[in-house]
Amino acid sequence: YVGGLDAAVTEEILHAAFIPFGDIREVNIPKDYAENKHRGFGFVDFDDADDAAAAIENMHGAELLGKVLKCNLAKPTTKLQPGQAVWTAEEWLSSTLKDNGNASEKIDE
């Protein structure tokens, strides 16, 4: 995960900034299609975990096009299959209902 991206940063620029740390599998900067620009963050997927760790260590707090980068290991939010609703994931149910008592009791009501 790379946050704090300037609006002018492209996938090519991000790739060039991170390639010194190792072979990159993929660079992705999600777009806000309503505004036709990216949302200020992206993902750099390295082939090797050690290369990713080196990139995080060296690029967190670095500047790119005048903005300070925030770099850390991206973590998936849930384990969903394509087309699966978020409320069908046990993790989501447990975390959403944990403050309201036992999740299985709430589901049965």
Protein backbone atom coordinates (compact mmCIF):
# COMPACT_ATOMS: atom_id res chain seq x y z
CA TYR A 1 0.00 0.00 0.00
CA VAL A 2 1.25 3.47 -0.91
CA GLY A 3 -0.75 6.44 0.32
CA GLY A 4 -0.37 10.19 -0.01
CA LEU A 5 -0.01 10.19 -3.79
CA ASP A 6 -0.08 13.47 -5.65
CA ALA A 7 -2.79 13.79 -8.32
CA ALA A 8 -0.10 13.79 -11.03
CA VAL A 9 1.29 10.37 -10.05
CA THR A 10 0.62 7.65 -12.62
CA GLU A 11 1.20 3.89 -12.44
CA GLU A 12 4.33 4.42 -14.55
CA ILE A 13 5.74 6.99 -12.09
CA LEU A 14 4.95 4.75 -9.12
CA HIS A 15 6.59 1.79 -10.87
CA ALA A 16 9.73 3.86 -11.55
CA ALA A 17 9.90 4.99 -7.91
CA PHE A 18 9.72 1.44 -6.53
CA ILE A 19 11.63 -0.62 -9.14
CA PRO A 20 15.02 -0.04 -7.42
CA PHE A 21 13.86 -2.36 -4.61
CA GLY A 22 13.17 -5.42 -6.77
CA ASP A 23 11.03 -7.02 -9.43
CA ILE A 24 7.47 -5.71 -9.43
CA ARG A 25 4.57 -7.97 -10.33
CA GLU A 26 1.93 -5.23 -10.60
CA VAL A 27 1.25 -1.55 -9.88
CA ASN A 28 -2.34 -0.45 -9.38
CA ILE A 29 -3.76 3.00 -8.60
CA PRO A 30 -7.56 2.74 -8.12
CA LYS A 31 -9.54 5.48 -9.85
CA ASP A 32 -12.56 7.43 -8.77
CA TYR A 33 -14.46 7.14 -12.02
CA ALA A 34 -16.98 9.82 -11.07
CA GLU A 35 -14.18 12.40 -10.92
CA ASN A 36 -11.90 10.64 -13.47
CA LYS A 37 -8.84 10.78 -11.20
CA HIS A 38 -7.18 8.50 -8.72
CA ARG A 39 -8.03 8.50 -5.02
CA GLY A 40 -4.56 9.28 -3.63
CA PHE A 41 -3.32 5.75 -2.96
CA GLY A 42 -2.05 2.74 -4.84
CA PHE A 43 -0.60 -0.73 -4.53
CA VAL A 44 2.82 -2.03 -5.57
CA ASP A 45 2.98 -5.82 -5.67
CA PHE A 46 6.53 -7.21 -5.50
CA ASP A 47 7.57 -10.71 -6.56
CA ASP A 48 9.60 -11.14 -3.37
CA ALA A 49 8.48 -10.33 0.20
CA ASP A 50 11.99 -9.13 1.16
CA ASP A 51 11.92 -6.62 -1.69
CA ALA A 52 8.53 -5.36 -0.49
CA ALA A 53 9.89 -4.98 3.06
CA ALA A 54 12.89 -3.01 1.75
CA ALA A 55 10.60 -0.75 -0.27
CA ILE A 56 8.38 -0.07 2.75
CA GLU A 57 11.39 0.64 4.98
CA ASN A 58 12.95 3.04 2.47
CA MET A 59 9.91 4.72 0.94
CA HIS A 60 7.73 5.31 4.02
CA GLY A 61 8.09 9.02 4.68
CA ALA A 62 9.86 9.69 1.37
CA GLU A 63 8.64 12.39 -1.01
CA LEU A 64 7.23 11.78 -4.47
CA LEU A 65 6.26 14.84 -6.52
CA GLY A 66 6.31 16.96 -3.37
CA LYS A 67 4.04 14.75 -1.23
CA VAL A 68 5.09 12.50 1.64
CA LEU A 69 4.35 8.82 1.06
CA LYS A 70 2.80 6.46 3.58
CA CYS A 71 3.88 2.88 2.85
CA ASN A 72 2.85 -0.31 4.59
CA LEU A 73 1.89 -3.88 3.89
CA ALA A 74 -1.59 -4.08 2.40
CA LYS A 75 -3.93 -6.46 4.17
CA PRO A 76 -7.10 -7.91 2.68
CA THR A 77 -10.21 -6.75 4.51
CA THR A 78 -12.32 -9.88 4.03
CA LYS A 79 -12.12 -13.21 2.26
CA LEU A 80 -14.93 -12.79 -0.24
CA GLN A 81 -15.49 -14.57 -3.51
CA PRO A 82 -16.34 -12.40 -6.54
CA GLY A 83 -20.00 -11.45 -6.35
CA GLN A 84 -20.33 -12.48 -2.69
CA ALA A 85 -22.12 -10.03 -0.39
CA VAL A 86 -20.04 -8.69 2.51
CA TRP A 87 -22.63 -9.77 5.11
CA THR A 88 -22.17 -13.42 4.10
CA ALA A 89 -18.57 -13.37 5.41
CA GLU A 90 -18.26 -14.73 8.95
CA GLU A 91 -15.54 -12.16 9.80
CA TRP A 92 -17.84 -9.29 8.89
CA LEU A 93 -20.73 -10.69 10.90
CA SER A 94 -18.55 -11.31 13.94
CA SER A 95 -16.93 -7.86 13.90
CA THR A 96 -20.19 -6.02 13.19
CA LEU A 97 -22.22 -7.80 15.83
CA LYS A 98 -19.53 -8.21 18.52
CA ASP A 99 -20.70 -5.14 20.45
CA ASN A 100 -24.28 -6.41 20.42
CA GLY A 101 -23.69 -9.76 22.09
CA ASN A 102 -23.20 -13.18 20.57
CA ALA A 103 -23.24 -13.04 16.76
CA SER A 104 -24.95 -16.42 16.38
CA GLU A 105 -27.78 -15.31 18.69
CA LYS A 106 -28.30 -12.14 16.59
CA ILE A 107 -28.35 -14.13 13.35
CA ASP A 108 -31.04 -16.51 14.67
CA GLU A 109 -33.38 -13.67 15.72
